C-alpha atoms as a PDB file:
ATOM      1  CA  UNK A   1       1.041  19.623  -7.149  1.00  0.00           C
ATOM      2  CA  UNK A   2      -2.189  18.532  -9.122  1.00  0.00           C
ATOM      3  CA  UNK A   3      -4.011  14.883  -7.808  1.00  0.00           C
ATOM      4  CA  UNK A   4      -3.558  12.129  -9.892  1.00  0.00           C
ATOM      5  CA  UNK A   5      -5.377  12.150 -12.995  1.00  0.00           C
ATOM      6  CA  UNK A   6      -9.032  10.483 -13.310  1.00  0.00           C
ATOM      7  CA  UNK A   7      -7.707   8.945 -16.519  1.00  0.00           C
ATOM      8  CA  UNK A   8      -4.584   6.409 -17.349  1.00  0.00           C
ATOM      9  CA  UNK A   9      -4.810   6.770 -21.558  1.00  0.00           C
ATOM     10  CA  UNK A  10      -4.764  10.357 -23.384  1.00  0.00           C
ATOM     11  CA  UNK A  11      -7.720  10.861 -24.998  1.00  0.00           C
ATOM     12  CA  UNK A  12      -6.367  11.899 -28.456  1.00  0.00           C
ATOM     13  CA  UNK A  13      -3.732   9.135 -28.648  1.00  0.00           C
ATOM     14  CA  UNK A  14      -4.529   6.298 -26.674  1.00  0.00           C
ATOM     15  CA  UNK A  15      -1.299   6.459 -25.178  1.00  0.00           C
ATOM     16  CA  UNK A  16      -0.156   6.556 -21.299  1.00  0.00           C
ATOM     17  CA  UNK A  17      -1.025   9.596 -19.418  1.00  0.00           C
ATOM     18  CA  UNK A  18       2.710  11.871 -18.838  1.00  0.00           C
ATOM     19  CA  UNK A  19       2.946  13.619 -15.085  1.00  0.00           C
ATOM     20  CA  UNK A  20       4.138  16.794 -17.206  1.00  0.00           C
ATOM     21  CA  UNK A  21       0.527  16.746 -19.106  1.00  0.00           C
ATOM     22  CA  UNK A  22      -1.732  17.362 -16.424  1.00  0.00           C
ATOM     23  CA  UNK A  23      -5.098  19.657 -16.284  1.00  0.00           C
ATOM     24  CA  UNK A  24      -7.745  20.295 -14.701  1.00  0.00           C
ATOM     25  CA  UNK A  25     -11.296  19.771 -15.802  1.00  0.00           C
ATOM     26  CA  UNK A  26     -14.622  20.208 -14.047  1.00  0.00           C
ATOM     27  CA  UNK A  27     -12.450  20.311 -10.917  1.00  0.00           C
ATOM     28  CA  UNK A  28     -10.783  16.934 -11.471  1.00  0.00           C
ATOM     29  CA  UNK A  29      -7.433  16.298 -12.893  1.00  0.00           C
ATOM     30  CA  UNK A  30      -7.249  15.174 -16.029  1.00  0.00           C
ATOM     31  CA  UNK A  31      -4.411  14.115 -18.433  1.00  0.00           C
ATOM     32  CA  UNK A  32      -2.375  13.816 -21.384  1.00  0.00           C
ATOM     33  CA  UNK A  33       0.694  11.870 -23.140  1.00  0.00           C
ATOM     34  CA  UNK A  34       2.398  15.344 -23.940  1.00  0.00           C
ATOM     35  CA  UNK A  35       2.054  18.771 -22.741  1.00  0.00           C
ATOM     36  CA  UNK A  36       1.270  20.520 -26.509  1.00  0.00           C
ATOM     37  CA  UNK A  37      -2.135  18.899 -25.994  1.00  0.00           C
ATOM     38  CA  UNK A  38      -2.580  19.318 -22.410  1.00  0.00           C
ATOM     39  CA  UNK A  39      -2.228  23.204 -22.553  1.00  0.00           C
ATOM     40  CA  UNK A  40      -4.109  23.388 -25.940  1.00  0.00           C
ATOM     41  CA  UNK A  41      -7.214  22.037 -24.193  1.00  0.00           C
ATOM     42  CA  UNK A  42      -6.650  24.059 -20.813  1.00  0.00           C
ATOM     43  CA  UNK A  43      -6.889  26.842 -23.142  1.00  0.00           C
ATOM     44  CA  UNK A  44     -10.013  26.045 -25.007  1.00  0.00           C
ATOM     45  CA  UNK A  45     -12.172  22.952 -23.615  1.00  0.00           C
ATOM     46  CA  UNK A  46     -15.086  23.849 -25.549  1.00  0.00           C
ATOM     47  CA  UNK A  47     -13.006  23.534 -28.878  1.00  0.00           C
ATOM     48  CA  UNK A  48     -12.222  19.598 -28.198  1.00  0.00           C
ATOM     49  CA  UNK A  49     -16.016  17.584 -27.625  1.00  0.00           C
ATOM     50  CA  UNK A  50     -14.096  14.520 -28.011  1.00  0.00           C
ATOM     51  CA  UNK A  51     -11.882  14.832 -24.978  1.00  0.00           C
ATOM     52  CA  UNK A  52     -14.897  16.412 -23.172  1.00  0.00           C
ATOM     53  CA  UNK A  53     -17.014  13.833 -23.586  1.00  0.00           C
ATOM     54  CA  UNK A  54     -14.378  11.202 -22.764  1.00  0.00           C
ATOM     55  CA  UNK A  55     -13.641  12.787 -19.374  1.00  0.00           C
ATOM     56  CA  UNK A  56     -17.689  13.371 -18.835  1.00  0.00           C
ATOM     57  CA  UNK A  57     -17.534   9.177 -19.111  1.00  0.00           C
ATOM     58  CA  UNK A  58     -14.714   8.375 -16.727  1.00  0.00           C
ATOM     59  CA  UNK A  59     -16.421  11.096 -14.118  1.00  0.00           C
ATOM     60  CA  UNK A  60     -20.071   9.464 -14.620  1.00  0.00           C
ATOM     61  CA  UNK A  61     -18.416   5.984 -13.873  1.00  0.00           C
ATOM     62  CA  UNK A  62     -16.716   7.357 -10.847  1.00  0.00           C
ATOM     63  CA  UNK A  63     -20.200   8.967  -9.696  1.00  0.00           C
ATOM     64  CA  UNK A  64     -21.892   5.717  -9.896  1.00  0.00           C
ATOM     65  CA  UNK A  65     -19.327   3.807  -8.531  1.00  0.00           C
ATOM     66  CA  UNK A  66     -19.674   6.013  -5.481  1.00  0.00           C
ATOM     67  CA  UNK A  67     -23.174   5.887  -5.236  1.00  0.00           C
ATOM     68  CA  UNK A  68     -22.572   1.971  -4.770  1.00  0.00           C
ATOM     69  CA  UNK A  69     -20.574   2.207  -2.218  1.00  0.00           C
END
């Protein structure tokens, strides 16, 4: 079972992430609003630079926040 995703909203639609639409990116669980987008991203993350930029931003914010703790 995967951990909770780092995002609450789908990078493509802005809708809430669904439990059946999770995958991993850079060792973290990320989510989408439907399984098709999740599988599409998992198959080739490099083909989706806007999705990667969204997740990279969230990961950077997380890293900065943990440095302050």
